[in-house]
Amino acid sequence: MSGRLVGTEGAIDSGGQGTCNTPPLAVGRPASPTKVFAGKKMVLKNGDTFNPAPGTTPKGDPCQSARTLRAVRKVYVGKKAIGTLGDFLNSSTNITVAKDAGQHKVFAV
């Protein structure tokens, strides 16, 4: 198959590292969703904002890493690019959409 697997609300992020180290976390539903579904799961879109990921600084202090999707595919929903595996949720801490727990097989180029 060509393209990347489309990310949905069932996705898991990669966890982050750097200024705020976070473990992998379920992405969940965005703050203001556009209701487009793949396999009964909401599709992620560029600019979707999710709950911050809790973590720790390199010194061990608690911190949070913001998560806003930056999608780059050429498939759009309501003028927003859809999110796929590998797209960044926070480029400064290297959090990406790592895997999708859904059983759907929808791909984007």
PDB file of N, CA and C in Angstrom:
ATOM      1  N   MET A   1       0.844  -1.184   0.000  1.00  0.00           N
ATOM      2  CA  MET A   1       0.000   0.000   0.000  1.00  0.00           C
ATOM      3  C   MET A   1       0.886   1.242   0.000  1.00  0.00           C
ATOM      4  N   SER A   2       0.438   2.252  -0.741  1.00  0.00           N
ATOM      5  CA  SER A   2       1.191   3.496  -0.718  1.00  0.00           C
ATOM      6  C   SER A   2       0.561   4.458   0.279  1.00  0.00           C
ATOM      7  N   GLY A   3       1.334   5.384   0.744  1.00  0.00           N
ATOM      8  CA  GLY A   3       0.831   6.357   1.706  1.00  0.00           C
ATOM      9  C   GLY A   3       1.058   5.913   3.138  1.00  0.00           C
ATOM     10  N   ARG A   4       0.571   6.737   4.042  1.00  0.00           N
ATOM     11  CA  ARG A   4       0.695   6.474   5.481  1.00  0.00           C
ATOM     12  C   ARG A   4      -0.661   6.197   6.085  1.00  0.00           C
ATOM     13  N   LEU A   5      -0.660   5.420   7.156  1.00  0.00           N
ATOM     14  CA  LEU A   5      -1.885   5.111   7.878  1.00  0.00           C
ATOM     15  C   LEU A   5      -2.434   6.384   8.521  1.00  0.00           C
ATOM     16  N   VAL A   6      -3.711   6.652   8.324  1.00  0.00           N
ATOM     17  CA  VAL A   6      -4.365   7.834   8.883  1.00  0.00           C
ATOM     18  C   VAL A   6      -4.467   7.686  10.398  1.00  0.00           C
ATOM     19  N   GLY A   7      -4.159   8.758  11.122  1.00  0.00           N
ATOM     20  CA  GLY A   7      -4.254   8.760  12.581  1.00  0.00           C
ATOM     21  C   GLY A   7      -5.672   9.059  13.038  1.00  0.00           C
ATOM     22  N   THR A   8      -6.102   8.402  14.092  1.00  0.00           N
ATOM     23  CA  THR A   8      -7.433   8.639  14.648  1.00  0.00           C
ATOM     24  C   THR A   8      -7.311   8.907  16.152  1.00  0.00           C
ATOM     25  N   GLU A   9      -8.458   9.167  16.773  1.00  0.00           N
ATOM     26  CA  GLU A   9      -8.469   9.427  18.220  1.00  0.00           C
ATOM     27  C   GLU A   9      -7.936   8.238  19.020  1.00  0.00           C
ATOM     28  N   GLY A  10      -7.820   7.074  18.418  1.00  0.00           N
ATOM     29  CA  GLY A  10      -7.272   5.892  19.079  1.00  0.00           C
ATOM     30  C   GLY A  10      -5.758   5.819  19.007  1.00  0.00           C
ATOM     31  N   ALA A  11      -5.119   6.859  18.465  1.00  0.00           N
ATOM     32  CA  ALA A  11      -3.664   6.862  18.294  1.00  0.00           C
ATOM     33  C   ALA A  11      -2.924   7.012  19.620  1.00  0.00           C
ATOM     34  N   ILE A  12      -1.688   6.548  19.618  1.00  0.00           N
ATOM     35  CA  ILE A  12      -0.771   6.679  20.753  1.00  0.00           C
ATOM     36  C   ILE A  12       0.397   7.544  20.278  1.00  0.00           C
ATOM     37  N   ASP A  13       0.817   8.508  21.104  1.00  0.00           N
ATOM     38  CA  ASP A  13       1.983   9.300  20.691  1.00  0.00           C
ATOM     39  C   ASP A  13       3.273   8.586  21.072  1.00  0.00           C
ATOM     40  N   SER A  14       4.379   9.112  20.592  1.00  0.00           N
ATOM     41  CA  SER A  14       5.679   8.475  20.787  1.00  0.00           C
ATOM     42  C   SER A  14       6.311   8.760  22.140  1.00  0.00           C
ATOM     43  N   GLY A  15       5.741   9.719  22.864  1.00  0.00           N
ATOM     44  CA  GLY A  15       6.412  10.189  24.072  1.00  0.00           C
ATOM     45  C   GLY A  15       7.430  11.241  23.653  1.00  0.00           C
ATOM     46  N   GLY A  16       7.836  12.068  24.580  1.00  0.00           N
ATOM     47  CA  GLY A  16       8.752  13.152  24.236  1.00  0.00           C
ATOM     48  C   GLY A  16      10.035  13.093  25.029  1.00  0.00           C
ATOM     49  N   GLN A  17      11.015  13.835  24.528  1.00  0.00           N
ATOM     50  CA  GLN A  17      12.305  13.901  25.216  1.00  0.00           C
ATOM     51  C   GLN A  17      12.923  15.265  24.999  1.00  0.00           C
ATOM     52  N   GLY A  18      13.763  15.666  25.907  1.00  0.00           N
ATOM     53  CA  GLY A  18      14.420  16.968  25.825  1.00  0.00           C
ATOM     54  C   GLY A  18      14.089  17.792  27.049  1.00  0.00           C
ATOM     55  N   THR A  19      13.452  18.959  26.842  1.00  0.00           N
ATOM     56  CA  THR A  19      13.130  19.841  27.960  1.00  0.00           C
ATOM     57  C   THR A  19      12.031  19.270  28.850  1.00  0.00           C
ATOM     58  N   CYS A  20      11.179  18.395  28.284  1.00  0.00           N
ATOM     59  CA  CYS A  20      10.123  17.739  29.055  1.00  0.00           C
ATOM     60  C   CYS A  20      10.012  16.303  28.547  1.00  0.00           C
ATOM     61  N   ASN A  21      10.427  15.357  29.369  1.00  0.00           N
ATOM     62  CA  ASN A  21      10.397  13.942  28.989  1.00  0.00           C
ATOM     63  C   ASN A  21       9.042  13.353  29.364  1.00  0.00           C
ATOM     64  N   THR A  22       8.324  12.852  28.354  1.00  0.00           N
ATOM     65  CA  THR A  22       6.983  12.316  28.576  1.00  0.00           C
ATOM     66  C   THR A  22       6.906  10.876  28.080  1.00  0.00           C
ATOM     67  N   PRO A  23       6.130  10.028  28.750  1.00  0.00           N
ATOM     68  CA  PRO A  23       5.936   8.657  28.268  1.00  0.00           C
ATOM     69  C   PRO A  23       4.913   8.657  27.127  1.00  0.00           C
ATOM     70  N   PRO A  24       4.847   7.579  26.349  1.00  0.00           N
ATOM     71  CA  PRO A  24       3.798   7.481  25.332  1.00  0.00           C
ATOM     72  C   PRO A  24       2.424   7.626  25.980  1.00  0.00           C
ATOM     73  N   LEU A  25       1.516   8.303  25.275  1.00  0.00           N
ATOM     74  CA  LEU A  25       0.211   8.633  25.825  1.00  0.00           C
ATOM     75  C   LEU A  25      -0.838   8.558  24.724  1.00  0.00           C
ATOM     76  N   ALA A  26      -2.044   8.138  25.068  1.00  0.00           N
ATOM     77  CA  ALA A  26      -3.142   8.139  24.100  1.00  0.00           C
ATOM     78  C   ALA A  26      -3.414   9.573  23.662  1.00  0.00           C
ATOM     79  N   VAL A  27      -3.624   9.770  22.366  1.00  0.00           N
ATOM     80  CA  VAL A  27      -3.877  11.111  21.841  1.00  0.00           C
ATOM     81  C   VAL A  27      -5.249  11.601  22.276  1.00  0.00           C
ATOM     82  N   GLY A  28      -6.285  10.788  22.134  1.00  0.00           N
ATOM     83  CA  GLY A  28      -7.633  11.168  22.541  1.00  0.00           C
ATOM     84  C   GLY A  28      -8.315  12.073  21.532  1.00  0.00           C
ATOM     85  N   ARG A  29      -9.440  12.635  21.942  1.00  0.00           N
ATOM     86  CA  ARG A  29     -10.196  13.530  21.064  1.00  0.00           C
ATOM     87  C   ARG A  29      -9.636  14.943  21.129  1.00  0.00           C
ATOM     88  N   PRO A  30      -9.640  15.650  19.993  1.00  0.00           N
ATOM     89  CA  PRO A  30      -9.173  17.037  19.994  1.00  0.00           C
ATOM     90  C   PRO A  30     -10.147  17.953  20.726  1.00  0.00           C
ATOM     91  N   ALA A  31      -9.669  19.138  21.105  1.00  0.00           N
ATOM     92  CA  ALA A  31     -10.482  20.101  21.849  1.00  0.00           C
ATOM     93  C   ALA A  31     -11.720  20.533  21.063  1.00  0.00           C
ATOM     94  N   SER A  32     -11.585  20.795  19.765  1.00  0.00           N
ATOM     95  CA  SER A  32     -12.742  21.189  18.945  1.00  0.00           C
ATOM     96  C   SER A  32     -12.743  20.319  17.687  1.00  0.00           C
ATOM     97  N   PRO A  33     -13.366  19.147  17.781  1.00  0.00           N
ATOM     98  CA  PRO A  33     -13.288  18.182  16.690  1.00  0.00           C
ATOM     99  C   PRO A  33     -14.153  18.513  15.480  1.00  0.00           C
ATOM    100  N   THR A  34     -13.641  18.126  14.300  1.00  0.00           N
ATOM    101  CA  THR A  34     -14.422  18.084  13.078  1.00  0.00           C
ATOM    102  C   THR A  34     -14.813  16.630  12.949  1.00  0.00           C
ATOM    103  N   LYS A  35     -16.071  16.347  12.872  1.00  0.00           N
ATOM    104  CA  LYS A  35     -16.523  14.970  12.974  1.00  0.00           C
ATOM    105  C   LYS A  35     -16.411  14.205  11.652  1.00  0.00           C
ATOM    106  N   VAL A  36     -15.210  13.703  11.392  1.00  0.00           N
ATOM    107  CA  VAL A  36     -14.944  12.837  10.253  1.00  0.00           C
ATOM    108  C   VAL A  36     -14.381  11.557  10.836  1.00  0.00           C
ATOM    109  N   PHE A  37     -14.910  10.417  10.407  1.00  0.00           N
ATOM    110  CA  PHE A  37     -14.551   9.151  11.021  1.00  0.00           C
ATOM    111  C   PHE A  37     -13.939   8.173  10.031  1.00  0.00           C
ATOM    112  N   ALA A  38     -13.073   7.300  10.540  1.00  0.00           N
ATOM    113  CA  ALA A  38     -12.522   6.159   9.805  1.00  0.00           C
ATOM    114  C   ALA A  38     -12.634   4.981  10.755  1.00  0.00           C
ATOM    115  N   GLY A  39     -13.401   3.980  10.379  1.00  0.00           N
ATOM    116  CA  GLY A  39     -13.573   2.827  11.256  1.00  0.00           C
ATOM    117  C   GLY A  39     -14.148   3.192  12.604  1.00  0.00           C
ATOM    118  N   LYS A  40     -15.110   4.110  12.654  1.00  0.00           N
ATOM    119  CA  LYS A  40     -15.794   4.566  13.874  1.00  0.00           C
ATOM    120  C   LYS A  40     -14.898   5.345  14.831  1.00  0.00           C
ATOM    121  N   LYS A  41     -13.725   5.769  14.380  1.00  0.00           N
ATOM    122  CA  LYS A  41     -12.819   6.597  15.184  1.00  0.00           C
ATOM    123  C   LYS A  41     -12.658   7.945  14.484  1.00  0.00           C
ATOM    124  N   MET A  42     -12.610   9.033  15.259  1.00  0.00           N
ATOM    125  CA  MET A  42     -12.458  10.362  14.692  1.00  0.00           C
ATOM    126  C   MET A  42     -11.065  10.541  14.086  1.00  0.00           C
ATOM    127  N   VAL A  43     -11.005  11.103  12.884  1.00  0.00           N
ATOM    128  CA  VAL A  43      -9.745  11.325  12.173  1.00  0.00           C
ATOM    129  C   VAL A  43      -9.062  12.582  12.723  1.00  0.00           C
ATOM    130  N   LEU A  44      -7.734  12.539  12.883  1.00  0.00           N
ATOM    131  CA  LEU A  44      -6.953  13.683  13.349  1.00  0.00           C
ATOM    132  C   LEU A  44      -6.694  14.629  12.183  1.00  0.00           C
ATOM    133  N   LYS A  45      -6.709  15.964  12.467  1.00  0.00           N
ATOM    134  CA  LYS A  45      -6.482  16.956  11.438  1.00  0.00           C
ATOM    135  C   LYS A  45      -5.475  18.003  11.893  1.00  0.00           C
ATOM    136  N   ASN A  46      -4.854  18.666  10.918  1.00  0.00           N
ATOM    137  CA  ASN A  46      -3.871  19.706  11.203  1.00  0.00           C
ATOM    138  C   ASN A  46      -4.462  20.760  12.125  1.00  0.00           C
ATOM    139  N   GLY A  47      -3.716  21.138  13.138  1.00  0.00           N
ATOM    140  CA  GLY A  47      -4.146  22.158  14.082  1.00  0.00           C
ATOM    141  C   GLY A  47      -4.955  21.640  15.255  1.00  0.00           C
ATOM    142  N   ASP A  48      -5.344  20.359  15.237  1.00  0.00           N
ATOM    143  CA  ASP A  48      -6.068  19.799  16.379  1.00  0.00           C
ATOM    144  C   ASP A  48      -5.193  19.909  17.625  1.00  0.00           C
ATOM    145  N   THR A  49      -5.800  20.343  18.727  1.00  0.00           N
ATOM    146  CA  THR A  49      -5.091  20.496  19.998  1.00  0.00           C
ATOM    147  C   THR A  49      -5.598  19.436  20.968  1.00  0.00           C
ATOM    148  N   PHE A  50      -4.673  18.810  21.672  1.00  0.00           N
ATOM    149  CA  PHE A  50      -4.993  17.729  22.603  1.00  0.00           C
ATOM    150  C   PHE A  50      -4.506  18.095  24.000  1.00  0.00           C
ATOM    151  N   ASN A  51      -4.984  17.359  25.003  1.00  0.00           N
ATOM    152  CA  ASN A  51      -4.521  17.594  26.372  1.00  0.00           C
ATOM    153  C   ASN A  51      -3.003  17.497  26.420  1.00  0.00           C
ATOM    154  N   PRO A  52      -2.340  18.360  27.208  1.00  0.00           N
ATOM    155  CA  PRO A  52      -0.886  18.291  27.321  1.00  0.00           C
ATOM    156  C   PRO A  52      -0.443  16.963  27.939  1.00  0.00           C
ATOM    157  N   ALA A  53       0.755  16.535  27.549  1.00  0.00           N
ATOM    158  CA  ALA A  53       1.315  15.287  28.077  1.00  0.00           C
ATOM    159  C   ALA A  53       2.110  15.601  29.347  1.00  0.00           C
ATOM    160  N   PRO A  54       1.800  14.925  30.460  1.00  0.00           N
ATOM    161  CA  PRO A  54       2.560  15.148  31.688  1.00  0.00           C
ATOM    162  C   PRO A  54       3.912  14.433  31.621  1.00  0.00           C
ATOM    163  N   GLY A  55       4.912  15.056  32.203  1.00  0.00           N
ATOM    164  CA  GLY A  55       6.243  14.444  32.207  1.00  0.00           C
ATOM    165  C   GLY A  55       7.138  15.057  33.256  1.00  0.00           C
ATOM    166  N   THR A  56       8.441  14.869  33.082  1.00  0.00           N
ATOM    167  CA  THR A  56       9.427  15.431  34.003  1.00  0.00           C
ATOM    168  C   THR A  56      10.561  16.076  33.221  1.00  0.00           C
ATOM    169  N   THR A  57      11.142  17.113  33.808  1.00  0.00           N
ATOM    170  CA  THR A  57      12.308  17.751  33.209  1.00  0.00           C
ATOM    171  C   THR A  57      13.520  16.847  33.435  1.00  0.00           C
ATOM    172  N   PRO A  58      14.636  17.105  32.766  1.00  0.00           N
ATOM    173  CA  PRO A  58      15.836  16.303  33.016  1.00  0.00           C
ATOM    174  C   PRO A  58      16.278  16.328  34.492  1.00  0.00           C
ATOM    175  N   LYS A  59      15.921  17.392  35.240  1.00  0.00           N
ATOM    176  CA  LYS A  59      16.254  17.468  36.661  1.00  0.00           C
ATOM    177  C   LYS A  59      15.257  16.717  37.528  1.00  0.00           C
ATOM    178  N   GLY A  60      14.136  16.253  36.943  1.00  0.00           N
ATOM    179  CA  GLY A  60      13.136  15.512  37.706  1.00  0.00           C
ATOM    180  C   GLY A  60      11.925  16.311  38.147  1.00  0.00           C
ATOM    181  N   ASP A  61      11.870  17.593  37.774  1.00  0.00           N
ATOM    182  CA  ASP A  61      10.718  18.425  38.125  1.00  0.00           C
ATOM    183  C   ASP A  61       9.541  18.109  37.206  1.00  0.00           C
ATOM    184  N   PRO A  62       8.291  18.225  37.683  1.00  0.00           N
ATOM    185  CA  PRO A  62       7.134  17.977  36.824  1.00  0.00           C
ATOM    186  C   PRO A  62       7.015  19.042  35.727  1.00  0.00           C
ATOM    187  N   CYS A  63       6.522  18.626  34.576  1.00  0.00           N
ATOM    188  CA  CYS A  63       6.314  19.543  33.455  1.00  0.00           C
ATOM    189  C   CYS A  63       5.187  18.998  32.586  1.00  0.00           C
ATOM    190  N   GLN A  64       4.756  19.797  31.623  1.00  0.00           N
ATOM    191  CA  GLN A  64       3.763  19.372  30.650  1.00  0.00           C
ATOM    192  C   GLN A  64       4.241  19.770  29.269  1.00  0.00           C
ATOM    193  N   SER A  65       3.966  18.923  28.299  1.00  0.00           N
ATOM    194  CA  SER A  65       4.339  19.194  26.924  1.00  0.00           C
ATOM    195  C   SER A  65       3.064  19.371  26.105  1.00  0.00           C
ATOM    196  N   ALA A  66       2.897  20.557  25.518  1.00  0.00           N
ATOM    197  CA  ALA A  66       1.713  20.833  24.696  1.00  0.00           C
ATOM    198  C   ALA A  66       1.693  19.896  23.493  1.00  0.00           C
ATOM    199  N   ARG A  67       0.481  19.568  23.021  1.00  0.00           N
ATOM    200  CA  ARG A  67       0.351  18.689  21.854  1.00  0.00           C
ATOM    201  C   ARG A  67      -0.654  19.286  20.862  1.00  0.00           C
ATOM    202  N   THR A  68      -0.140  19.795  19.745  1.00  0.00           N
ATOM    203  CA  THR A  68      -0.951  20.326  18.648  1.00  0.00           C
ATOM    204  C   THR A  68      -0.452  19.676  17.370  1.00  0.00           C
ATOM    205  N   LEU A  69      -1.350  19.062  16.610  1.00  0.00           N
ATOM    206  CA  LEU A  69      -0.953  18.309  15.427  1.00  0.00           C
ATOM    207  C   LEU A  69      -0.512  19.212  14.285  1.00  0.00           C
ATOM    208  N   ARG A  70       0.613  18.841  13.668  1.00  0.00           N
ATOM    209  CA  ARG A  70       1.105  19.515  12.462  1.00  0.00           C
ATOM    210  C   ARG A  70       1.105  18.469  11.344  1.00  0.00           C
ATOM    211  N   ALA A  71       0.001  18.406  10.612  1.00  0.00           N
ATOM    212  CA  ALA A  71      -0.168  17.412   9.549  1.00  0.00           C
ATOM    213  C   ALA A  71       0.366  17.956   8.226  1.00  0.00           C
ATOM    214  N   VAL A  72       0.938  17.079   7.417  1.00  0.00           N
ATOM    215  CA  VAL A  72       1.551  17.517   6.156  1.00  0.00           C
ATOM    216  C   VAL A  72       1.046  16.752   4.930  1.00  0.00           C
ATOM    217  N   ARG A  73       0.050  15.921   5.068  1.00  0.00           N
ATOM    218  CA  ARG A  73      -0.480  15.152   3.928  1.00  0.00           C
ATOM    219  C   ARG A  73      -1.236  16.055   2.965  1.00  0.00           C
ATOM    220  N   LYS A  74      -1.486  15.537   1.770  1.00  0.00           N
ATOM    221  CA  LYS A  74      -2.226  16.290   0.754  1.00  0.00           C
ATOM    222  C   LYS A  74      -3.669  15.822   0.644  1.00  0.00           C
ATOM    223  N   VAL A  75      -4.207  15.309   1.742  1.00  0.00           N
ATOM    224  CA  VAL A  75      -5.607  14.906   1.818  1.00  0.00           C
ATOM    225  C   VAL A  75      -6.245  15.823   2.860  1.00  0.00           C
ATOM    226  N   TYR A  76      -7.355  16.462   2.491  1.00  0.00           N
ATOM    227  CA  TYR A  76      -7.934  17.487   3.349  1.00  0.00           C
ATOM    228  C   TYR A  76      -9.360  17.161   3.785  1.00  0.00           C
ATOM    229  N   VAL A  77      -9.703  17.633   4.983  1.00  0.00           N
ATOM    230  CA  VAL A  77     -11.056  17.576   5.521  1.00  0.00           C
ATOM    231  C   VAL A  77     -11.362  18.996   5.982  1.00  0.00           C
ATOM    232  N   GLY A  78     -12.330  19.642   5.348  1.00  0.00           N
ATOM    233  CA  GLY A  78     -12.662  21.012   5.732  1.00  0.00           C
ATOM    234  C   GLY A  78     -11.472  21.945   5.662  1.00  0.00           C
ATOM    235  N   LYS A  79     -10.660  21.844   4.623  1.00  0.00           N
ATOM    236  CA  LYS A  79      -9.468  22.670   4.377  1.00  0.00           C
ATOM    237  C   LYS A  79      -8.318  22.411   5.351  1.00  0.00           C
ATOM    238  N   LYS A  80      -8.392  21.326   6.112  1.00  0.00           N
ATOM    239  CA  LYS A  80      -7.305  20.955   7.027  1.00  0.00           C
ATOM    240  C   LYS A  80      -6.732  19.616   6.587  1.00  0.00           C
ATOM    241  N   ALA A  81      -5.409  19.522   6.534  1.00  0.00           N
ATOM    242  CA  ALA A  81      -4.755  18.258   6.179  1.00  0.00           C
ATOM    243  C   ALA A  81      -5.028  17.226   7.262  1.00  0.00           C
ATOM    244  N   ILE A  82      -5.256  15.976   6.858  1.00  0.00           N
ATOM    245  CA  ILE A  82      -5.496  14.945   7.858  1.00  0.00           C
ATOM    246  C   ILE A  82      -4.170  14.474   8.438  1.00  0.00           C
ATOM    247  N   GLY A  83      -4.216  14.018   9.677  1.00  0.00           N
ATOM    248  CA  GLY A  83      -3.026  13.543  10.374  1.00  0.00           C
ATOM    249  C   GLY A  83      -2.743  12.084  10.061  1.00  0.00           C
ATOM    250  N   THR A  84      -1.472  11.766   9.945  1.00  0.00           N
ATOM    251  CA  THR A  84      -1.051  10.391   9.702  1.00  0.00           C
ATOM    252  C   THR A  84       0.041  10.018  10.694  1.00  0.00           C
ATOM    253  N   LEU A  85       0.356   8.741  10.767  1.00  0.00           N
ATOM    254  CA  LEU A  85       1.420   8.297  11.662  1.00  0.00           C
ATOM    255  C   LEU A  85       2.721   8.971  11.260  1.00  0.00           C
ATOM    256  N   GLY A  86       3.456   9.465  12.240  1.00  0.00           N
ATOM    257  CA  GLY A  86       4.716  10.152  11.998  1.00  0.00           C
ATOM    258  C   GLY A  86       4.602  11.663  12.042  1.00  0.00           C
ATOM    259  N   ASP A  87       3.393  12.215  11.969  1.00  0.00           N
ATOM    260  CA  ASP A  87       3.227  13.670  12.045  1.00  0.00           C
ATOM    261  C   ASP A  87       3.523  14.152  13.464  1.00  0.00           C
ATOM    262  N   PHE A  88       4.050  15.367  13.578  1.00  0.00           N
ATOM    263  CA  PHE A  88       4.436  15.923  14.877  1.00  0.00           C
ATOM    264  C   PHE A  88       3.244  16.446  15.669  1.00  0.00           C
ATOM    265  N   LEU A  89       3.265  16.163  16.966  1.00  0.00           N
ATOM    266  CA  LEU A  89       2.353  16.771  17.933  1.00  0.00           C
ATOM    267  C   LEU A  89       3.087  17.883  18.683  1.00  0.00           C
ATOM    268  N   ASN A  90       4.399  17.755  18.832  1.00  0.00           N
ATOM    269  CA  ASN A  90       5.233  18.786  19.446  1.00  0.00           C
ATOM    270  C   ASN A  90       6.651  18.570  18.934  1.00  0.00           C
ATOM    271  N   SER A  91       7.086  19.427  18.026  1.00  0.00           N
ATOM    272  CA  SER A  91       8.406  19.238  17.425  1.00  0.00           C
ATOM    273  C   SER A  91       9.546  19.548  18.386  1.00  0.00           C
ATOM    274  N   SER A  92       9.324  20.423  19.390  1.00  0.00           N
ATOM    275  CA  SER A  92      10.414  20.760  20.307  1.00  0.00           C
ATOM    276  C   SER A  92      10.762  19.607  21.251  1.00  0.00           C
ATOM    277  N   THR A  93       9.797  18.731  21.534  1.00  0.00           N
ATOM    278  CA  THR A  93      10.084  17.567  22.381  1.00  0.00           C
ATOM    279  C   THR A  93       9.970  16.258  21.589  1.00  0.00           C
ATOM    280  N   ASN A  94       9.891  16.372  20.264  1.00  0.00           N
ATOM    281  CA  ASN A  94       9.856  15.215  19.353  1.00  0.00           C
ATOM    282  C   ASN A  94       8.701  14.253  19.603  1.00  0.00           C
ATOM    283  N   ILE A  95       7.528  14.779  19.965  1.00  0.00           N
ATOM    284  CA  ILE A  95       6.357  13.925  20.128  1.00  0.00           C
ATOM    285  C   ILE A  95       5.690  13.784  18.765  1.00  0.00           C
ATOM    286  N   THR A  96       5.512  12.545  18.319  1.00  0.00           N
ATOM    287  CA  THR A  96       4.846  12.271  17.049  1.00  0.00           C
ATOM    288  C   THR A  96       3.665  11.325  17.268  1.00  0.00           C
ATOM    289  N   VAL A  97       2.826  11.206  16.251  1.00  0.00           N
ATOM    290  CA  VAL A  97       1.770  10.188  16.270  1.00  0.00           C
ATOM    291  C   VAL A  97       2.493   8.886  15.936  1.00  0.00           C
ATOM    292  N   ALA A  98       2.615   7.979  16.901  1.00  0.00           N
ATOM    293  CA  ALA A  98       3.465   6.802  16.750  1.00  0.00           C
ATOM    294  C   ALA A  98       2.745   5.571  16.220  1.00  0.00           C
ATOM    295  N   LYS A  99       1.556   5.306  16.725  1.00  0.00           N
ATOM    296  CA  LYS A  99       0.815   4.133  16.259  1.00  0.00           C
ATOM    297  C   LYS A  99      -0.660   4.370  16.485  1.00  0.00           C
ATOM    298  N   ASP A 100      -1.467   3.590  15.812  1.00  0.00           N
ATOM    299  CA  ASP A 100      -2.907   3.723  15.952  1.00  0.00           C
ATOM    300  C   ASP A 100      -3.463   2.392  16.425  1.00  0.00           C
ATOM    301  N   ALA A 101      -4.228   2.427  17.489  1.00  0.00           N
ATOM    302  CA  ALA A 101      -4.775   1.205  18.068  1.00  0.00           C
ATOM    303  C   ALA A 101      -6.006   0.705  17.331  1.00  0.00           C
ATOM    304  N   GLY A 102      -6.520   1.512  16.393  1.00  0.00           N
ATOM    305  CA  GLY A 102      -7.721   1.124  15.644  1.00  0.00           C
ATOM    306  C   GLY A 102      -7.442  -0.002  14.661  1.00  0.00           C
ATOM    307  N   GLN A 103      -8.491  -0.645  14.208  1.00  0.00           N
ATOM    308  CA  GLN A 103      -8.367  -1.749  13.262  1.00  0.00           C
ATOM    309  C   GLN A 103      -8.609  -1.300  11.821  1.00  0.00           C
ATOM    310  N   HIS A 104      -8.849   0.000  11.595  1.00  0.00           N
ATOM    311  CA  HIS A 104      -9.111   0.456  10.251  1.00  0.00           C
ATOM    312  C   HIS A 104      -7.835   0.443   9.420  1.00  0.00           C
ATOM    313  N   LYS A 105      -7.985   0.436   8.137  1.00  0.00           N
ATOM    314  CA  LYS A 105      -6.836   0.482   7.228  1.00  0.00           C
ATOM    315  C   LYS A 105      -7.088   1.565   6.204  1.00  0.00           C
ATOM    316  N   VAL A 106      -7.011   2.834   6.640  1.00  0.00           N
ATOM    317  CA  VAL A 106      -7.202   3.965   5.769  1.00  0.00           C
ATOM    318  C   VAL A 106      -5.858   4.642   5.607  1.00  0.00           C
ATOM    319  N   PHE A 107      -5.466   4.883   4.344  1.00  0.00           N
ATOM    320  CA  PHE A 107      -4.159   5.448   4.058  1.00  0.00           C
ATOM    321  C   PHE A 107      -4.301   6.777   3.327  1.00  0.00           C
ATOM    322  N   ALA A 108      -3.320   7.680   3.495  1.00  0.00           N
ATOM    323  CA  ALA A 108      -3.292   8.971   2.810  1.00  0.00           C
ATOM    324  C   ALA A 108      -1.933   9.136   2.140  1.00  0.00           C
ATOM    325  N   VAL A 109      -1.904   9.825   1.014  1.00  0.00           N
ATOM    326  CA  VAL A 109      -0.649  10.056   0.283  1.00  0.00           C
ATOM    327  C   VAL A 109      -0.027  11.361   0.676  1.00  0.00           C
TER     328      VAL A 109
END
